[in-house]
Amino acid sequence: MAGVVWIPWYATVLRNESFAASVARVAPIALRYGATQYSVHRSRDDRYKITQMSWFESSTDWYRYWDGPEMIEFRRRNAGHFQNPITYSWNDEVIAEPEPQPIPLPQAAGTG
């Protein structure tokens, strides 16, 4: 079952900057476990709210990542830097815009 897993982290007081950086460092590891892409967002309205997203083709790959040594170590090392419980959720991606392509610049008269 392909989908996007959302992990809604919530940093503890005065940990939002360092914890967001830690999540950004651990998120790419999902690619080693079969993720096709990943993303980390931090809310502008609530700077303690950090959302990690990972796109997986199967829940088996997701659990290999979530229960893998890197994420276990991440959660251990950052214990006290985020609020519990962590309630991740699977989501179906209904539509997404592909990465934008560069728009060619118009050529000046007499060139090209």
PDB file of N, CA and C in Angstrom:
ATOM      1  N   MET A   1       0.838  -1.168   0.000  1.00  0.00           N
ATOM      2  CA  MET A   1       0.000   0.000   0.000  1.00  0.00           C
ATOM      3  C   MET A   1       0.889   1.238   0.000  1.00  0.00           C
ATOM      4  N   ALA A   2       1.048   1.894  -1.127  1.00  0.00           N
ATOM      5  CA  ALA A   2       1.869   3.092  -1.238  1.00  0.00           C
ATOM      6  C   ALA A   2       1.173   4.257  -0.564  1.00  0.00           C
ATOM      7  N   GLY A   3       1.959   5.155  -0.026  1.00  0.00           N
ATOM      8  CA  GLY A   3       1.387   6.331   0.601  1.00  0.00           C
ATOM      9  C   GLY A   3       2.444   7.212   1.224  1.00  0.00           C
ATOM     10  N   VAL A   4       1.951   8.241   1.877  1.00  0.00           N
ATOM     11  CA  VAL A   4       2.804   9.208   2.560  1.00  0.00           C
ATOM     12  C   VAL A   4       2.587   9.050   4.063  1.00  0.00           C
ATOM     13  N   VAL A   5       3.667   8.886   4.789  1.00  0.00           N
ATOM     14  CA  VAL A   5       3.576   8.792   6.240  1.00  0.00           C
ATOM     15  C   VAL A   5       3.894  10.168   6.810  1.00  0.00           C
ATOM     16  N   TRP A   6       2.978  10.693   7.619  1.00  0.00           N
ATOM     17  CA  TRP A   6       3.183  11.960   8.306  1.00  0.00           C
ATOM     18  C   TRP A   6       3.569  11.663   9.744  1.00  0.00           C
ATOM     19  N   ILE A   7       4.637  12.294  10.202  1.00  0.00           N
ATOM     20  CA  ILE A   7       5.050  12.193  11.598  1.00  0.00           C
ATOM     21  C   ILE A   7       4.960  13.599  12.185  1.00  0.00           C
ATOM     22  N   PRO A   8       3.967  13.855  13.016  1.00  0.00           N
ATOM     23  CA  PRO A   8       3.814  15.185  13.595  1.00  0.00           C
ATOM     24  C   PRO A   8       4.612  15.336  14.900  1.00  0.00           C
ATOM     25  N   TRP A   9       5.873  15.718  14.770  1.00  0.00           N
ATOM     26  CA  TRP A   9       6.705  15.948  15.945  1.00  0.00           C
ATOM     27  C   TRP A   9       6.287  17.259  16.605  1.00  0.00           C
ATOM     28  N   TYR A  10       6.454  17.346  17.904  1.00  0.00           N
ATOM     29  CA  TYR A  10       6.226  18.601  18.613  1.00  0.00           C
ATOM     30  C   TYR A  10       7.377  18.780  19.599  1.00  0.00           C
ATOM     31  N   ALA A  11       8.229  19.768  19.322  1.00  0.00           N
ATOM     32  CA  ALA A  11       9.422  20.004  20.133  1.00  0.00           C
ATOM     33  C   ALA A  11       9.051  20.552  21.503  1.00  0.00           C
ATOM     34  N   THR A  12       9.898  20.248  22.478  1.00  0.00           N
ATOM     35  CA  THR A  12       9.699  20.801  23.816  1.00  0.00           C
ATOM     36  C   THR A  12      10.276  22.218  23.870  1.00  0.00           C
ATOM     37  N   VAL A  13       9.980  22.923  24.920  1.00  0.00           N
ATOM     38  CA  VAL A  13      10.349  24.334  25.060  1.00  0.00           C
ATOM     39  C   VAL A  13      11.851  24.548  24.828  1.00  0.00           C
ATOM     40  N   LEU A  14      12.145  25.535  24.011  1.00  0.00           N
ATOM     41  CA  LEU A  14      13.505  25.956  23.664  1.00  0.00           C
ATOM     42  C   LEU A  14      14.298  24.920  22.874  1.00  0.00           C
ATOM     43  N   ARG A  15      13.633  23.893  22.356  1.00  0.00           N
ATOM     44  CA  ARG A  15      14.318  22.863  21.561  1.00  0.00           C
ATOM     45  C   ARG A  15      13.916  22.919  20.087  1.00  0.00           C
ATOM     46  N   ASN A  16      13.062  23.849  19.702  1.00  0.00           N
ATOM     47  CA  ASN A  16      12.512  23.831  18.344  1.00  0.00           C
ATOM     48  C   ASN A  16      13.584  23.959  17.269  1.00  0.00           C
ATOM     49  N   GLU A  17      14.552  24.829  17.426  1.00  0.00           N
ATOM     50  CA  GLU A  17      15.588  25.004  16.398  1.00  0.00           C
ATOM     51  C   GLU A  17      16.461  23.755  16.284  1.00  0.00           C
ATOM     52  N   SER A  18      16.989  23.298  17.393  1.00  0.00           N
ATOM     53  CA  SER A  18      17.899  22.153  17.350  1.00  0.00           C
ATOM     54  C   SER A  18      17.161  20.871  16.978  1.00  0.00           C
ATOM     55  N   PHE A  19      15.917  20.718  17.451  1.00  0.00           N
ATOM     56  CA  PHE A  19      15.183  19.500  17.114  1.00  0.00           C
ATOM     57  C   PHE A  19      14.799  19.480  15.638  1.00  0.00           C
ATOM     58  N   ALA A  20      14.396  20.611  15.084  1.00  0.00           N
ATOM     59  CA  ALA A  20      14.082  20.674  13.643  1.00  0.00           C
ATOM     60  C   ALA A  20      15.315  20.292  12.823  1.00  0.00           C
ATOM     61  N   ALA A  21      16.483  20.751  13.227  1.00  0.00           N
ATOM     62  CA  ALA A  21      17.720  20.393  12.526  1.00  0.00           C
ATOM     63  C   ALA A  21      17.995  18.894  12.645  1.00  0.00           C
ATOM     64  N   SER A  22      17.727  18.319  13.808  1.00  0.00           N
ATOM     65  CA  SER A  22      17.931  16.872  14.001  1.00  0.00           C
ATOM     66  C   SER A  22      16.993  16.053  13.115  1.00  0.00           C
ATOM     67  N   VAL A  23      15.735  16.473  13.028  1.00  0.00           N
ATOM     68  CA  VAL A  23      14.774  15.770  12.159  1.00  0.00           C
ATOM     69  C   VAL A  23      15.226  15.888  10.709  1.00  0.00           C
ATOM     70  N   ALA A  24      15.702  17.056  10.311  1.00  0.00           N
ATOM     71  CA  ALA A  24      16.178  17.243   8.937  1.00  0.00           C
ATOM     72  C   ALA A  24      17.365  16.333   8.616  1.00  0.00           C
ATOM     73  N   ARG A  25      18.193  16.047   9.602  1.00  0.00           N
ATOM     74  CA  ARG A  25      19.329  15.150   9.373  1.00  0.00           C
ATOM     75  C   ARG A  25      18.912  13.686   9.277  1.00  0.00           C
ATOM     76  N   VAL A  26      17.878  13.274  10.027  1.00  0.00           N
ATOM     77  CA  VAL A  26      17.488  11.863  10.042  1.00  0.00           C
ATOM     78  C   VAL A  26      16.511  11.532   8.898  1.00  0.00           C
ATOM     79  N   ALA A  27      15.784  12.497   8.396  1.00  0.00           N
ATOM     80  CA  ALA A  27      14.767  12.240   7.369  1.00  0.00           C
ATOM     81  C   ALA A  27      15.308  11.577   6.097  1.00  0.00           C
ATOM     82  N   PRO A  28      16.468  11.991   5.555  1.00  0.00           N
ATOM     83  CA  PRO A  28      16.963  11.359   4.325  1.00  0.00           C
ATOM     84  C   PRO A  28      17.291   9.877   4.460  1.00  0.00           C
ATOM     85  N   ILE A  29      17.486   9.397   5.679  1.00  0.00           N
ATOM     86  CA  ILE A  29      17.798   7.982   5.882  1.00  0.00           C
ATOM     87  C   ILE A  29      16.653   7.105   5.392  1.00  0.00           C
ATOM     88  N   ALA A  30      15.445   7.644   5.328  1.00  0.00           N
ATOM     89  CA  ALA A  30      14.295   6.884   4.829  1.00  0.00           C
ATOM     90  C   ALA A  30      14.550   6.355   3.418  1.00  0.00           C
ATOM     91  N   LEU A  31      15.347   7.072   2.634  1.00  0.00           N
ATOM     92  CA  LEU A  31      15.651   6.628   1.261  1.00  0.00           C
ATOM     93  C   LEU A  31      16.376   5.283   1.258  1.00  0.00           C
ATOM     94  N   ARG A  32      17.174   5.026   2.269  1.00  0.00           N
ATOM     95  CA  ARG A  32      17.884   3.736   2.381  1.00  0.00           C
ATOM     96  C   ARG A  32      16.924   2.570   2.574  1.00  0.00           C
ATOM     97  N   TYR A  33      15.720   2.875   3.070  1.00  0.00           N
ATOM     98  CA  TYR A  33      14.740   1.845   3.386  1.00  0.00           C
ATOM     99  C   TYR A  33      13.615   1.779   2.356  1.00  0.00           C
ATOM    100  N   GLY A  34      13.807   2.421   1.222  1.00  0.00           N
ATOM    101  CA  GLY A  34      12.825   2.314   0.153  1.00  0.00           C
ATOM    102  C   GLY A  34      11.921   3.512  -0.044  1.00  0.00           C
ATOM    103  N   ALA A  35      12.081   4.563   0.734  1.00  0.00           N
ATOM    104  CA  ALA A  35      11.274   5.766   0.516  1.00  0.00           C
ATOM    105  C   ALA A  35      11.625   6.350  -0.848  1.00  0.00           C
ATOM    106  N   THR A  36      10.634   6.909  -1.507  1.00  0.00           N
ATOM    107  CA  THR A  36      10.877   7.538  -2.805  1.00  0.00           C
ATOM    108  C   THR A  36      11.162   9.030  -2.664  1.00  0.00           C
ATOM    109  N   GLN A  37      10.744   9.613  -1.559  1.00  0.00           N
ATOM    110  CA  GLN A  37      11.073  10.999  -1.246  1.00  0.00           C
ATOM    111  C   GLN A  37      10.756  11.266   0.213  1.00  0.00           C
ATOM    112  N   TYR A  38      11.208  12.402   0.692  1.00  0.00           N
ATOM    113  CA  TYR A  38      10.970  12.797   2.077  1.00  0.00           C
ATOM    114  C   TYR A  38      10.868  14.312   2.130  1.00  0.00           C
ATOM    115  N   SER A  39      10.327  14.809   3.234  1.00  0.00           N
ATOM    116  CA  SER A  39      10.169  16.245   3.420  1.00  0.00           C
ATOM    117  C   SER A  39      10.061  16.525   4.912  1.00  0.00           C
ATOM    118  N   VAL A  40      10.562  17.668   5.328  1.00  0.00           N
ATOM    119  CA  VAL A  40      10.412  18.121   6.711  1.00  0.00           C
ATOM    120  C   VAL A  40       9.914  19.552   6.657  1.00  0.00           C
ATOM    121  N   HIS A  41       8.824  19.831   7.354  1.00  0.00           N
ATOM    122  CA  HIS A  41       8.231  21.170   7.404  1.00  0.00           C
ATOM    123  C   HIS A  41       8.174  21.638   8.846  1.00  0.00           C
ATOM    124  N   ARG A  42       8.355  22.951   9.026  1.00  0.00           N
ATOM    125  CA  ARG A  42       8.174  23.547  10.348  1.00  0.00           C
ATOM    126  C   ARG A  42       7.129  24.638  10.228  1.00  0.00           C
ATOM    127  N   SER A  43       6.155  24.601  11.085  1.00  0.00           N
ATOM    128  CA  SER A  43       5.037  25.537  11.039  1.00  0.00           C
ATOM    129  C   SER A  43       5.513  26.961  11.287  1.00  0.00           C
ATOM    130  N   ARG A  44       4.971  27.894  10.516  1.00  0.00           N
ATOM    131  CA  ARG A  44       5.254  29.311  10.757  1.00  0.00           C
ATOM    132  C   ARG A  44       4.401  29.852  11.903  1.00  0.00           C
ATOM    133  N   ASP A  45       3.241  29.239  12.122  1.00  0.00           N
ATOM    134  CA  ASP A  45       2.347  29.693  13.187  1.00  0.00           C
ATOM    135  C   ASP A  45       2.740  29.146  14.551  1.00  0.00           C
ATOM    136  N   ASP A  46       3.313  27.953  14.569  1.00  0.00           N
ATOM    137  CA  ASP A  46       3.718  27.300  15.812  1.00  0.00           C
ATOM    138  C   ASP A  46       5.093  26.705  15.566  1.00  0.00           C
ATOM    139  N   ARG A  47       6.140  27.424  15.910  1.00  0.00           N
ATOM    140  CA  ARG A  47       7.513  27.039  15.578  1.00  0.00           C
ATOM    141  C   ARG A  47       7.955  25.744  16.251  1.00  0.00           C
ATOM    142  N   TYR A  48       7.159  25.205  17.166  1.00  0.00           N
ATOM    143  CA  TYR A  48       7.494  23.947  17.824  1.00  0.00           C
ATOM    144  C   TYR A  48       6.919  22.746  17.074  1.00  0.00           C
ATOM    145  N   LYS A  49       6.061  22.993  16.113  1.00  0.00           N
ATOM    146  CA  LYS A  49       5.406  21.917  15.342  1.00  0.00           C
ATOM    147  C   LYS A  49       6.240  21.609  14.096  1.00  0.00           C
ATOM    148  N   ILE A  50       6.742  20.382  14.021  1.00  0.00           N
ATOM    149  CA  ILE A  50       7.598  19.928  12.919  1.00  0.00           C
ATOM    150  C   ILE A  50       6.947  18.693  12.323  1.00  0.00           C
ATOM    151  N   THR A  51       6.715  18.720  11.028  1.00  0.00           N
ATOM    152  CA  THR A  51       6.087  17.592  10.347  1.00  0.00           C
ATOM    153  C   THR A  51       7.097  16.948   9.405  1.00  0.00           C
ATOM    154  N   GLN A  52       7.340  15.674   9.632  1.00  0.00           N
ATOM    155  CA  GLN A  52       8.211  14.884   8.751  1.00  0.00           C
ATOM    156  C   GLN A  52       7.311  14.040   7.868  1.00  0.00           C
ATOM    157  N   MET A  53       7.590  13.990   6.565  1.00  0.00           N
ATOM    158  CA  MET A  53       6.823  13.169   5.638  1.00  0.00           C
ATOM    159  C   MET A  53       7.774  12.277   4.856  1.00  0.00           C
ATOM    160  N   SER A  54       7.356  11.039   4.669  1.00  0.00           N
ATOM    161  CA  SER A  54       8.126  10.076   3.886  1.00  0.00           C
ATOM    162  C   SER A  54       7.176   9.307   2.990  1.00  0.00           C
ATOM    163  N   TRP A  55       7.528   9.187   1.718  1.00  0.00           N
ATOM    164  CA  TRP A  55       6.715   8.469   0.732  1.00  0.00           C
ATOM    165  C   TRP A  55       7.281   7.059   0.595  1.00  0.00           C
ATOM    166  N   PHE A  56       6.447   6.056   0.866  1.00  0.00           N
ATOM    167  CA  PHE A  56       6.854   4.655   0.772  1.00  0.00           C
ATOM    168  C   PHE A  56       5.875   3.890  -0.102  1.00  0.00           C
ATOM    169  N   GLU A  57       6.389   2.881  -0.800  1.00  0.00           N
ATOM    170  CA  GLU A  57       5.550   2.003  -1.613  1.00  0.00           C
ATOM    171  C   GLU A  57       4.892   0.923  -0.774  1.00  0.00           C
ATOM    172  N   SER A  58       5.496   0.601   0.381  1.00  0.00           N
ATOM    173  CA  SER A  58       4.914  -0.453   1.218  1.00  0.00           C
ATOM    174  C   SER A  58       5.070  -0.098   2.689  1.00  0.00           C
ATOM    175  N   SER A  59       4.131  -0.573   3.479  1.00  0.00           N
ATOM    176  CA  SER A  59       4.215  -0.337   4.916  1.00  0.00           C
ATOM    177  C   SER A  59       5.381  -1.115   5.530  1.00  0.00           C
ATOM    178  N   THR A  60       5.761  -2.222   4.900  1.00  0.00           N
ATOM    179  CA  THR A  60       6.903  -2.998   5.389  1.00  0.00           C
ATOM    180  C   THR A  60       8.170  -2.145   5.368  1.00  0.00           C
ATOM    181  N   ASP A  61       8.394  -1.422   4.268  1.00  0.00           N
ATOM    182  CA  ASP A  61       9.571  -0.556   4.180  1.00  0.00           C
ATOM    183  C   ASP A  61       9.516   0.549   5.232  1.00  0.00           C
ATOM    184  N   TRP A  62       8.312   1.116   5.427  1.00  0.00           N
ATOM    185  CA  TRP A  62       8.160   2.147   6.450  1.00  0.00           C
ATOM    186  C   TRP A  62       8.561   1.612   7.825  1.00  0.00           C
ATOM    187  N   TYR A  63       8.060   0.448   8.190  1.00  0.00           N
ATOM    188  CA  TYR A  63       8.369  -0.095   9.506  1.00  0.00           C
ATOM    189  C   TYR A  63       9.836  -0.467   9.629  1.00  0.00           C
ATOM    190  N   ARG A  64      10.469  -0.875   8.553  1.00  0.00           N
ATOM    191  CA  ARG A  64      11.909  -1.127   8.582  1.00  0.00           C
ATOM    192  C   ARG A  64      12.661   0.157   8.919  1.00  0.00           C
ATOM    193  N   TYR A  65      12.207   1.274   8.380  1.00  0.00           N
ATOM    194  CA  TYR A  65      12.809   2.581   8.673  1.00  0.00           C
ATOM    195  C   TYR A  65      12.502   3.008  10.111  1.00  0.00           C
ATOM    196  N   TRP A  66      11.232   3.023  10.481  1.00  0.00           N
ATOM    197  CA  TRP A  66      10.805   3.512  11.790  1.00  0.00           C
ATOM    198  C   TRP A  66      11.395   2.687  12.924  1.00  0.00           C
ATOM    199  N   ASP A  67      11.483   1.376  12.726  1.00  0.00           N
ATOM    200  CA  ASP A  67      12.016   0.487  13.751  1.00  0.00           C
ATOM    201  C   ASP A  67      13.483   0.136  13.529  1.00  0.00           C
ATOM    202  N   GLY A  68      14.107   0.806  12.553  1.00  0.00           N
ATOM    203  CA  GLY A  68      15.512   0.551  12.252  1.00  0.00           C
ATOM    204  C   GLY A  68      16.448   1.190  13.270  1.00  0.00           C
ATOM    205  N   PRO A  69      17.707   0.819  13.235  1.00  0.00           N
ATOM    206  CA  PRO A  69      18.665   1.298  14.244  1.00  0.00           C
ATOM    207  C   PRO A  69      18.841   2.822  14.246  1.00  0.00           C
ATOM    208  N   GLU A  70      18.765   3.449  13.081  1.00  0.00           N
ATOM    209  CA  GLU A  70      18.961   4.899  13.024  1.00  0.00           C
ATOM    210  C   GLU A  70      17.830   5.652  13.727  1.00  0.00           C
ATOM    211  N   MET A  71      16.576   5.229  13.482  1.00  0.00           N
ATOM    212  CA  MET A  71      15.448   5.921  14.113  1.00  0.00           C
ATOM    213  C   MET A  71      15.335   5.585  15.594  1.00  0.00           C
ATOM    214  N   ILE A  72      15.691   4.378  15.964  1.00  0.00           N
ATOM    215  CA  ILE A  72      15.712   4.040  17.396  1.00  0.00           C
ATOM    216  C   ILE A  72      16.733   4.920  18.101  1.00  0.00           C
ATOM    217  N   GLU A  73      17.910   5.042  17.511  1.00  0.00           N
ATOM    218  CA  GLU A  73      18.953   5.893  18.088  1.00  0.00           C
ATOM    219  C   GLU A  73      18.525   7.359  18.084  1.00  0.00           C
ATOM    220  N   PHE A  74      17.867   7.822  17.024  1.00  0.00           N
ATOM    221  CA  PHE A  74      17.370   9.198  16.959  1.00  0.00           C
ATOM    222  C   PHE A  74      16.403   9.477  18.106  1.00  0.00           C
ATOM    223  N   ARG A  75      15.439   8.585  18.302  1.00  0.00           N
ATOM    224  CA  ARG A  75      14.460   8.793  19.374  1.00  0.00           C
ATOM    225  C   ARG A  75      15.120   8.718  20.757  1.00  0.00           C
ATOM    226  N   ARG A  76      16.096   7.826  20.916  1.00  0.00           N
ATOM    227  CA  ARG A  76      16.804   7.731  22.190  1.00  0.00           C
ATOM    228  C   ARG A  76      17.602   9.006  22.458  1.00  0.00           C
ATOM    229  N   ARG A  77      18.364   9.438  21.465  1.00  0.00           N
ATOM    230  CA  ARG A  77      19.229  10.605  21.608  1.00  0.00           C
ATOM    231  C   ARG A  77      18.427  11.886  21.829  1.00  0.00           C
ATOM    232  N   ASN A  78      17.235  11.959  21.252  1.00  0.00           N
ATOM    233  CA  ASN A  78      16.416  13.168  21.351  1.00  0.00           C
ATOM    234  C   ASN A  78      15.294  13.062  22.376  1.00  0.00           C
ATOM    235  N   ALA A  79      15.309  12.020  23.186  1.00  0.00           N
ATOM    236  CA  ALA A  79      14.293  11.888  24.238  1.00  0.00           C
ATOM    237  C   ALA A  79      14.317  13.158  25.093  1.00  0.00           C
ATOM    238  N   GLY A  80      13.154  13.706  25.334  1.00  0.00           N
ATOM    239  CA  GLY A  80      13.065  14.946  26.086  1.00  0.00           C
ATOM    240  C   GLY A  80      13.079  16.185  25.206  1.00  0.00           C
ATOM    241  N   HIS A  81      13.361  15.992  23.914  1.00  0.00           N
ATOM    242  CA  HIS A  81      13.362  17.116  22.969  1.00  0.00           C
ATOM    243  C   HIS A  81      12.056  17.193  22.186  1.00  0.00           C
ATOM    244  N   PHE A  82      11.210  16.175  22.320  1.00  0.00           N
ATOM    245  CA  PHE A  82       9.911  16.168  21.648  1.00  0.00           C
ATOM    246  C   PHE A  82       8.879  15.567  22.583  1.00  0.00           C
ATOM    247  N   GLN A  83       7.624  15.934  22.330  1.00  0.00           N
ATOM    248  CA  GLN A  83       6.536  15.449  23.176  1.00  0.00           C
ATOM    249  C   GLN A  83       6.044  14.090  22.709  1.00  0.00           C
ATOM    250  N   ASN A  84       5.614  13.297  23.661  1.00  0.00           N
ATOM    251  CA  ASN A  84       5.023  11.983  23.385  1.00  0.00           C
ATOM    252  C   ASN A  84       3.533  12.068  23.610  1.00  0.00           C
ATOM    253  N   PRO A  85       2.733  11.236  23.027  1.00  0.00           N
ATOM    254  CA  PRO A  85       3.102  10.172  22.102  1.00  0.00           C
ATOM    255  C   PRO A  85       3.313  10.713  20.684  1.00  0.00           C
ATOM    256  N   ILE A  86       4.027   9.941  19.907  1.00  0.00           N
ATOM    257  CA  ILE A  86       4.215  10.247  18.489  1.00  0.00           C
ATOM    258  C   ILE A  86       3.173   9.409  17.739  1.00  0.00           C
ATOM    259  N   THR A  87       2.273  10.054  17.061  1.00  0.00           N
ATOM    260  CA  THR A  87       1.189   9.342  16.371  1.00  0.00           C
ATOM    261  C   THR A  87       1.286   9.592  14.874  1.00  0.00           C
ATOM    262  N   TYR A  88       2.154   8.817  14.213  1.00  0.00           N
ATOM    263  CA  TYR A  88       2.301   8.946  12.763  1.00  0.00           C
ATOM    264  C   TYR A  88       1.052   8.401  12.085  1.00  0.00           C
ATOM    265  N   SER A  89       0.844   8.811  10.835  1.00  0.00           N
ATOM    266  CA  SER A  89      -0.326   8.322  10.090  1.00  0.00           C
ATOM    267  C   SER A  89       0.010   8.168   8.617  1.00  0.00           C
ATOM    268  N   TRP A  90      -0.586   7.136   8.024  1.00  0.00           N
ATOM    269  CA  TRP A  90      -0.485   6.901   6.587  1.00  0.00           C
ATOM    270  C   TRP A  90      -1.527   7.757   5.874  1.00  0.00           C
ATOM    271  N   ASN A  91      -1.140   8.329   4.748  1.00  0.00           N
ATOM    272  CA  ASN A  91      -2.041   9.142   3.941  1.00  0.00           C
ATOM    273  C   ASN A  91      -1.897   8.744   2.485  1.00  0.00           C
ATOM    274  N   ASP A  92      -3.005   8.782   1.755  1.00  0.00           N
ATOM    275  CA  ASP A  92      -2.962   8.579   0.311  1.00  0.00           C
ATOM    276  C   ASP A  92      -2.731   9.929  -0.350  1.00  0.00           C
ATOM    277  N   GLU A  93      -1.800   9.969  -1.273  1.00  0.00           N
ATOM    278  CA  GLU A  93      -1.574  11.203  -2.017  1.00  0.00           C
ATOM    279  C   GLU A  93      -2.554  11.223  -3.181  1.00  0.00           C
ATOM    280  N   VAL A  94      -3.448  12.179  -3.182  1.00  0.00           N
ATOM    281  CA  VAL A  94      -4.485  12.270  -4.207  1.00  0.00           C
ATOM    282  C   VAL A  94      -3.947  12.963  -5.448  1.00  0.00           C
ATOM    283  N   ILE A  95      -3.223  14.052  -5.257  1.00  0.00           N
ATOM    284  CA  ILE A  95      -2.629  14.764  -6.383  1.00  0.00           C
ATOM    285  C   ILE A  95      -1.419  15.522  -5.883  1.00  0.00           C
ATOM    286  N   ALA A  96      -0.418  15.645  -6.720  1.00  0.00           N
ATOM    287  CA  ALA A  96       0.783  16.416  -6.394  1.00  0.00           C
ATOM    288  C   ALA A  96       1.310  17.030  -7.678  1.00  0.00           C
ATOM    289  N   GLU A  97       1.801  18.210  -7.554  1.00  0.00           N
ATOM    290  CA  GLU A  97       2.394  18.874  -8.717  1.00  0.00           C
ATOM    291  C   GLU A  97       3.823  18.393  -8.859  1.00  0.00           C
ATOM    292  N   PRO A  98       4.205  18.031 -10.076  1.00  0.00           N
ATOM    293  CA  PRO A  98       5.595  17.598 -10.258  1.00  0.00           C
ATOM    294  C   PRO A  98       6.540  18.784 -10.044  1.00  0.00           C
ATOM    295  N   GLU A  99       7.809  18.460  -9.886  1.00  0.00           N
ATOM    296  CA  GLU A  99       8.805  19.509  -9.697  1.00  0.00           C
ATOM    297  C   GLU A  99       8.752  20.481 -10.873  1.00  0.00           C
ATOM    298  N   PRO A 100       8.698  21.783 -10.597  1.00  0.00           N
ATOM    299  CA  PRO A 100       8.572  22.749 -11.688  1.00  0.00           C
ATOM    300  C   PRO A 100       9.787  22.729 -12.601  1.00  0.00           C
ATOM    301  N   GLN A 101       9.526  22.879 -13.869  1.00  0.00           N
ATOM    302  CA  GLN A 101      10.585  22.942 -14.866  1.00  0.00           C
ATOM    303  C   GLN A 101      10.951  24.403 -15.098  1.00  0.00           C
ATOM    304  N   PRO A 102      12.235  24.686 -15.357  1.00  0.00           N
ATOM    305  CA  PRO A 102      12.612  26.077 -15.601  1.00  0.00           C
ATOM    306  C   PRO A 102      11.958  26.600 -16.878  1.00  0.00           C
ATOM    307  N   ILE A 103      11.554  27.836 -16.820  1.00  0.00           N
ATOM    308  CA  ILE A 103      10.956  28.484 -17.993  1.00  0.00           C
ATOM    309  C   ILE A 103      12.085  29.136 -18.770  1.00  0.00           C
ATOM    310  N   PRO A 104      12.225  28.809 -20.070  1.00  0.00           N
ATOM    311  CA  PRO A 104      13.328  29.399 -20.837  1.00  0.00           C
ATOM    312  C   PRO A 104      13.130  30.911 -20.975  1.00  0.00           C
ATOM    313  N   LEU A 105      14.243  31.610 -20.883  1.00  0.00           N
ATOM    314  CA  LEU A 105      14.203  33.060 -21.054  1.00  0.00           C
ATOM    315  C   LEU A 105      14.065  33.396 -22.527  1.00  0.00           C
ATOM    316  N   PRO A 106      13.332  34.457 -22.848  1.00  0.00           N
ATOM    317  CA  PRO A 106      13.221  34.849 -24.261  1.00  0.00           C
ATOM    318  C   PRO A 106      14.575  35.321 -24.769  1.00  0.00           C
ATOM    319  N   GLN A 107      14.852  34.986 -26.007  1.00  0.00           N
ATOM    320  CA  GLN A 107      16.123  35.399 -26.609  1.00  0.00           C
ATOM    321  C   GLN A 107      15.989  36.828 -27.115  1.00  0.00           C
ATOM    322  N   ALA A 108      17.066  37.565 -26.979  1.00  0.00           N
ATOM    323  CA  ALA A 108      17.093  38.945 -27.484  1.00  0.00           C
ATOM    324  C   ALA A 108      17.063  38.929 -29.010  1.00  0.00           C
ATOM    325  N   ALA A 109      16.505  39.968 -29.590  1.00  0.00           N
ATOM    326  CA  ALA A 109      16.424  40.071 -31.055  1.00  0.00           C
ATOM    327  C   ALA A 109      17.803  39.960 -31.674  1.00  0.00           C
ATOM    328  N   GLY A 110      17.904  39.166 -32.727  1.00  0.00           N
ATOM    329  CA  GLY A 110      19.155  39.014 -33.453  1.00  0.00           C
ATOM    330  C   GLY A 110      20.073  37.950 -32.889  1.00  0.00           C
ATOM    331  N   THR A 111      19.633  37.205 -31.846  1.00  0.00           N
ATOM    332  CA  THR A 111      20.461  36.121 -31.320  1.00  0.00           C
ATOM    333  C   THR A 111      19.788  34.795 -31.606  1.00  0.00           C
ATOM    334  N   GLY A 112      20.554  33.793 -31.594  1.00  0.00           N
ATOM    335  CA  GLY A 112      20.020  32.431 -31.674  1.00  0.00           C
ATOM    336  C   GLY A 112      19.688  32.024 -32.997  1.00  0.00           C
TER     337      GLY A 112
END
